[in-house]
Amino acid sequence: GQKAGRAIYASQKQAYYVFLFSNTSALSTSVLVIMSLTYRFPFHLEVWFATASMLVTYASAVFAVTLDESFRFRYILIASVGPFALRCLIQIFKSIEV
């Protein structure tokens, strides 16, 4: 009863959302670390383009294989923005302490 190319795992909504949230958080955190470590690196622009391409590819793959009725965009958005927001909050609290 599944369409070809669609994620079968997506039919198990709760488990799929846990997987999707965790996977997106891991990717977003990895991107944050890569961008932080390569800041002012000679090839920083190239790394930025490669990372942006990787994010676009990930997002398009999620949209392509996830069932339309089970997909919640806000979960992906929260998972992808979370590590960046946490890093910003840490920086703000560090500047307040000093």
N, C-alpha and C. Protein backbone atom coordinates (compact mmCIF):
# COMPACT_ATOMS: atom_id res chain seq x y z
N GLY A 1 0.80 -1.21 0.00
CA GLY A 1 0.00 0.00 0.00
C GLY A 1 0.83 1.26 0.00
N GLN A 2 2.13 1.16 -0.21
CA GLN A 2 2.99 2.33 -0.22
C GLN A 2 3.31 2.76 -1.65
N LYS A 3 3.53 4.06 -1.83
CA LYS A 3 3.99 4.57 -3.12
C LYS A 3 5.49 4.34 -3.23
N ALA A 4 5.94 4.06 -4.43
CA ALA A 4 7.37 3.86 -4.66
C ALA A 4 8.12 5.15 -4.34
N GLY A 5 9.21 5.03 -3.61
CA GLY A 5 10.03 6.17 -3.28
C GLY A 5 9.64 6.87 -1.98
N ARG A 6 8.54 6.48 -1.38
CA ARG A 6 8.10 7.09 -0.12
C ARG A 6 8.64 6.30 1.06
N ALA A 7 8.89 6.98 2.15
CA ALA A 7 9.43 6.32 3.34
C ALA A 7 8.36 5.48 4.01
N ILE A 8 8.60 4.19 4.13
CA ILE A 8 7.67 3.30 4.81
C ILE A 8 7.67 3.61 6.30
N TYR A 9 8.83 3.96 6.81
CA TYR A 9 8.97 4.29 8.23
C TYR A 9 8.09 5.47 8.62
N ALA A 10 7.77 6.34 7.68
CA ALA A 10 6.97 7.53 7.97
C ALA A 10 5.54 7.16 8.36
N SER A 11 5.11 5.94 8.07
CA SER A 11 3.77 5.53 8.47
C SER A 11 3.68 5.32 9.98
N GLN A 12 4.80 5.14 10.65
CA GLN A 12 4.85 5.07 12.11
C GLN A 12 5.20 6.46 12.62
N LYS A 13 4.18 7.30 12.78
CA LYS A 13 4.39 8.73 12.96
C LYS A 13 5.30 9.10 14.12
N GLN A 14 5.05 8.58 15.32
CA GLN A 14 5.86 8.98 16.46
C GLN A 14 7.33 8.57 16.29
N ALA A 15 7.56 7.34 15.90
CA ALA A 15 8.94 6.88 15.71
C ALA A 15 9.62 7.66 14.60
N TYR A 16 8.89 7.97 13.54
CA TYR A 16 9.48 8.71 12.43
C TYR A 16 9.83 10.13 12.84
N TYR A 17 8.96 10.77 13.64
CA TYR A 17 9.25 12.13 14.11
C TYR A 17 10.47 12.16 15.01
N VAL A 18 10.64 11.14 15.86
CA VAL A 18 11.82 11.06 16.72
C VAL A 18 13.06 10.92 15.85
N PHE A 19 12.99 10.03 14.86
CA PHE A 19 14.11 9.86 13.94
C PHE A 19 14.42 11.15 13.18
N LEU A 20 13.39 11.76 12.63
CA LEU A 20 13.56 12.97 11.83
C LEU A 20 14.11 14.12 12.66
N PHE A 21 13.58 14.29 13.86
CA PHE A 21 14.06 15.35 14.75
C PHE A 21 15.51 15.11 15.14
N SER A 22 15.85 13.89 15.53
CA SER A 22 17.21 13.57 15.94
C SER A 22 18.20 13.71 14.78
N ASN A 23 17.81 13.22 13.63
CA ASN A 23 18.68 13.28 12.46
C ASN A 23 18.93 14.73 12.03
N THR A 24 17.89 15.53 12.04
CA THR A 24 18.03 16.93 11.66
C THR A 24 18.85 17.70 12.69
N SER A 25 18.65 17.42 13.96
CA SER A 25 19.45 18.07 15.01
C SER A 25 20.93 17.72 14.86
N ALA A 26 21.21 16.47 14.57
CA ALA A 26 22.60 16.04 14.38
C ALA A 26 23.24 16.74 13.18
N LEU A 27 22.51 16.81 12.09
CA LEU A 27 23.04 17.49 10.90
C LEU A 27 23.27 18.97 11.18
N SER A 28 22.31 19.61 11.83
CA SER A 28 22.42 21.03 12.11
C SER A 28 23.58 21.32 13.06
N THR A 29 23.76 20.49 14.06
CA THR A 29 24.88 20.65 14.99
C THR A 29 26.21 20.45 14.26
N SER A 30 26.26 19.47 13.38
CA SER A 30 27.48 19.24 12.59
C SER A 30 27.82 20.44 11.72
N VAL A 31 26.80 21.01 11.12
CA VAL A 31 27.01 22.20 10.28
C VAL A 31 27.53 23.35 11.13
N LEU A 32 26.97 23.53 12.31
CA LEU A 32 27.42 24.59 13.22
C LEU A 32 28.89 24.40 13.59
N VAL A 33 29.27 23.19 13.89
CA VAL A 33 30.66 22.91 14.26
C VAL A 33 31.59 23.15 13.06
N ILE A 34 31.20 22.69 11.89
CA ILE A 34 32.01 22.89 10.69
C ILE A 34 32.19 24.38 10.41
N MET A 35 31.11 25.13 10.49
CA MET A 35 31.20 26.56 10.21
C MET A 35 32.04 27.28 11.27
N SER A 36 31.94 26.86 12.52
CA SER A 36 32.73 27.48 13.58
C SER A 36 34.22 27.17 13.42
N LEU A 37 34.53 25.92 13.08
CA LEU A 37 35.94 25.53 12.95
C LEU A 37 36.61 26.09 11.71
N THR A 38 35.84 26.38 10.69
CA THR A 38 36.44 26.88 9.45
C THR A 38 36.30 28.40 9.30
N TYR A 39 35.86 29.08 10.34
CA TYR A 39 35.74 30.53 10.28
C TYR A 39 37.12 31.15 10.08
N ARG A 40 37.20 32.06 9.14
CA ARG A 40 38.46 32.72 8.73
C ARG A 40 39.48 31.75 8.14
N PHE A 41 39.00 30.63 7.70
CA PHE A 41 39.82 29.65 7.00
C PHE A 41 39.93 30.12 5.55
N PRO A 42 41.05 29.86 4.85
CA PRO A 42 41.19 30.35 3.47
C PRO A 42 40.06 29.93 2.53
N PHE A 43 39.50 28.76 2.72
CA PHE A 43 38.44 28.27 1.85
C PHE A 43 37.08 28.33 2.53
N HIS A 44 36.87 29.30 3.40
CA HIS A 44 35.63 29.40 4.16
C HIS A 44 34.41 29.54 3.24
N LEU A 45 34.52 30.33 2.19
CA LEU A 45 33.40 30.51 1.27
C LEU A 45 33.04 29.19 0.57
N GLU A 46 34.04 28.44 0.15
CA GLU A 46 33.80 27.16 -0.49
C GLU A 46 33.16 26.17 0.48
N VAL A 47 33.62 26.18 1.72
CA VAL A 47 33.03 25.31 2.74
C VAL A 47 31.58 25.71 2.98
N TRP A 48 31.32 27.01 3.01
CA TRP A 48 29.96 27.51 3.21
C TRP A 48 29.04 27.03 2.08
N PHE A 49 29.48 27.16 0.84
CA PHE A 49 28.67 26.70 -0.30
C PHE A 49 28.44 25.19 -0.25
N ALA A 50 29.47 24.43 0.08
CA ALA A 50 29.31 22.97 0.17
C ALA A 50 28.34 22.59 1.28
N THR A 51 28.42 23.28 2.40
CA THR A 51 27.52 23.01 3.52
C THR A 51 26.10 23.40 3.18
N ALA A 52 25.91 24.54 2.54
CA ALA A 52 24.57 24.96 2.13
C ALA A 52 23.98 23.97 1.13
N SER A 53 24.79 23.48 0.22
CA SER A 53 24.33 22.47 -0.73
C SER A 53 23.90 21.19 -0.02
N MET A 54 24.66 20.80 0.99
CA MET A 54 24.32 19.61 1.76
C MET A 54 22.99 19.79 2.48
N LEU A 55 22.75 20.97 3.03
CA LEU A 55 21.48 21.25 3.71
C LEU A 55 20.30 21.23 2.75
N VAL A 56 20.48 21.81 1.58
CA VAL A 56 19.41 21.81 0.57
C VAL A 56 19.12 20.38 0.12
N THR A 57 20.17 19.60 -0.08
CA THR A 57 19.99 18.20 -0.48
C THR A 57 19.25 17.41 0.60
N TYR A 58 19.61 17.62 1.85
CA TYR A 58 18.94 16.94 2.95
C TYR A 58 17.46 17.32 2.99
N ALA A 59 17.18 18.61 2.91
CA ALA A 59 15.79 19.07 2.96
C ALA A 59 14.97 18.52 1.80
N SER A 60 15.54 18.53 0.61
CA SER A 60 14.79 18.02 -0.55
C SER A 60 14.57 16.51 -0.43
N ALA A 61 15.53 15.78 0.15
CA ALA A 61 15.35 14.34 0.34
C ALA A 61 14.24 14.07 1.36
N VAL A 62 14.19 14.85 2.43
CA VAL A 62 13.14 14.66 3.43
C VAL A 62 11.78 14.94 2.81
N PHE A 63 11.67 16.02 2.05
CA PHE A 63 10.39 16.33 1.40
C PHE A 63 10.01 15.27 0.37
N ALA A 64 10.99 14.69 -0.29
CA ALA A 64 10.70 13.72 -1.35
C ALA A 64 10.21 12.38 -0.81
N VAL A 65 10.75 11.94 0.32
CA VAL A 65 10.42 10.59 0.78
C VAL A 65 9.37 10.56 1.89
N THR A 66 9.05 11.69 2.48
CA THR A 66 8.11 11.72 3.58
C THR A 66 6.69 11.81 3.06
N LEU A 67 5.81 11.03 3.67
CA LEU A 67 4.41 11.08 3.28
C LEU A 67 3.84 12.46 3.57
N ASP A 68 3.05 12.97 2.64
CA ASP A 68 2.51 14.31 2.78
C ASP A 68 1.66 14.48 4.03
N GLU A 69 0.83 13.49 4.32
CA GLU A 69 -0.09 13.64 5.46
C GLU A 69 0.60 13.48 6.81
N SER A 70 1.81 12.93 6.85
CA SER A 70 2.48 12.73 8.14
C SER A 70 3.60 13.74 8.39
N PHE A 71 3.85 14.61 7.47
CA PHE A 71 4.99 15.50 7.59
C PHE A 71 4.62 16.77 8.36
N ARG A 72 5.44 17.14 9.30
CA ARG A 72 5.25 18.38 10.06
C ARG A 72 6.50 19.24 9.87
N PHE A 73 6.36 20.30 9.13
CA PHE A 73 7.49 21.17 8.82
C PHE A 73 8.07 21.81 10.08
N ARG A 74 7.24 22.11 11.06
CA ARG A 74 7.74 22.80 12.25
C ARG A 74 8.75 21.96 13.02
N TYR A 75 8.62 20.62 12.98
CA TYR A 75 9.59 19.77 13.67
C TYR A 75 10.98 19.90 13.04
N ILE A 76 11.00 19.92 11.73
CA ILE A 76 12.27 20.08 11.02
C ILE A 76 12.86 21.46 11.32
N LEU A 77 12.03 22.48 11.31
CA LEU A 77 12.50 23.84 11.56
C LEU A 77 13.06 23.97 12.97
N ILE A 78 12.37 23.45 13.96
CA ILE A 78 12.84 23.51 15.34
C ILE A 78 14.16 22.75 15.49
N ALA A 79 14.22 21.58 14.91
CA ALA A 79 15.43 20.76 15.01
C ALA A 79 16.62 21.41 14.31
N SER A 80 16.37 22.10 13.21
CA SER A 80 17.48 22.70 12.48
C SER A 80 17.94 24.02 13.09
N VAL A 81 17.03 24.76 13.70
CA VAL A 81 17.38 26.06 14.28
C VAL A 81 17.88 25.91 15.72
N GLY A 82 17.48 24.83 16.38
CA GLY A 82 17.83 24.63 17.79
C GLY A 82 19.29 24.79 18.13
N PRO A 83 20.21 24.08 17.48
CA PRO A 83 21.63 24.23 17.82
C PRO A 83 22.16 25.65 17.62
N PHE A 84 21.70 26.33 16.59
CA PHE A 84 22.15 27.70 16.35
C PHE A 84 21.61 28.64 17.43
N ALA A 85 20.36 28.46 17.82
CA ALA A 85 19.76 29.27 18.88
C ALA A 85 20.47 29.02 20.21
N LEU A 86 20.77 27.76 20.49
CA LEU A 86 21.48 27.43 21.73
C LEU A 86 22.85 28.08 21.76
N ARG A 87 23.55 28.05 20.63
CA ARG A 87 24.87 28.69 20.55
C ARG A 87 24.78 30.20 20.78
N CYS A 88 23.76 30.81 20.21
CA CYS A 88 23.56 32.26 20.41
C CYS A 88 23.27 32.57 21.87
N LEU A 89 22.44 31.76 22.52
CA LEU A 89 22.14 31.97 23.93
C LEU A 89 23.39 31.82 24.79
N ILE A 90 24.23 30.86 24.48
CA ILE A 90 25.48 30.68 25.22
C ILE A 90 26.36 31.90 25.08
N GLN A 91 26.46 32.42 23.86
CA GLN A 91 27.27 33.63 23.62
C GLN A 91 26.71 34.83 24.38
N ILE A 92 25.40 34.96 24.41
CA ILE A 92 24.78 36.09 25.13
C ILE A 92 25.07 35.99 26.62
N PHE A 93 24.91 34.79 27.19
CA PHE A 93 25.17 34.63 28.62
C PHE A 93 26.64 34.81 28.96
N LYS A 94 27.52 34.43 28.07
CA LYS A 94 28.95 34.65 28.30
C LYS A 94 29.29 36.14 28.30
N SER A 95 28.66 36.90 27.41
CA SER A 95 28.94 38.34 27.35
C SER A 95 28.34 39.08 28.54
N ILE A 96 27.27 38.56 29.12
CA ILE A 96 26.67 39.18 30.30
C ILE A 96 27.56 38.95 31.53
N GLU A 97 28.15 37.77 31.64
CA GLU A 97 28.99 37.43 32.79
C GLU A 97 30.27 38.25 32.83
N VAL A 98 30.80 38.61 31.68
CA VAL A 98 32.09 39.32 31.62
C VAL A 98 31.91 40.77 31.84
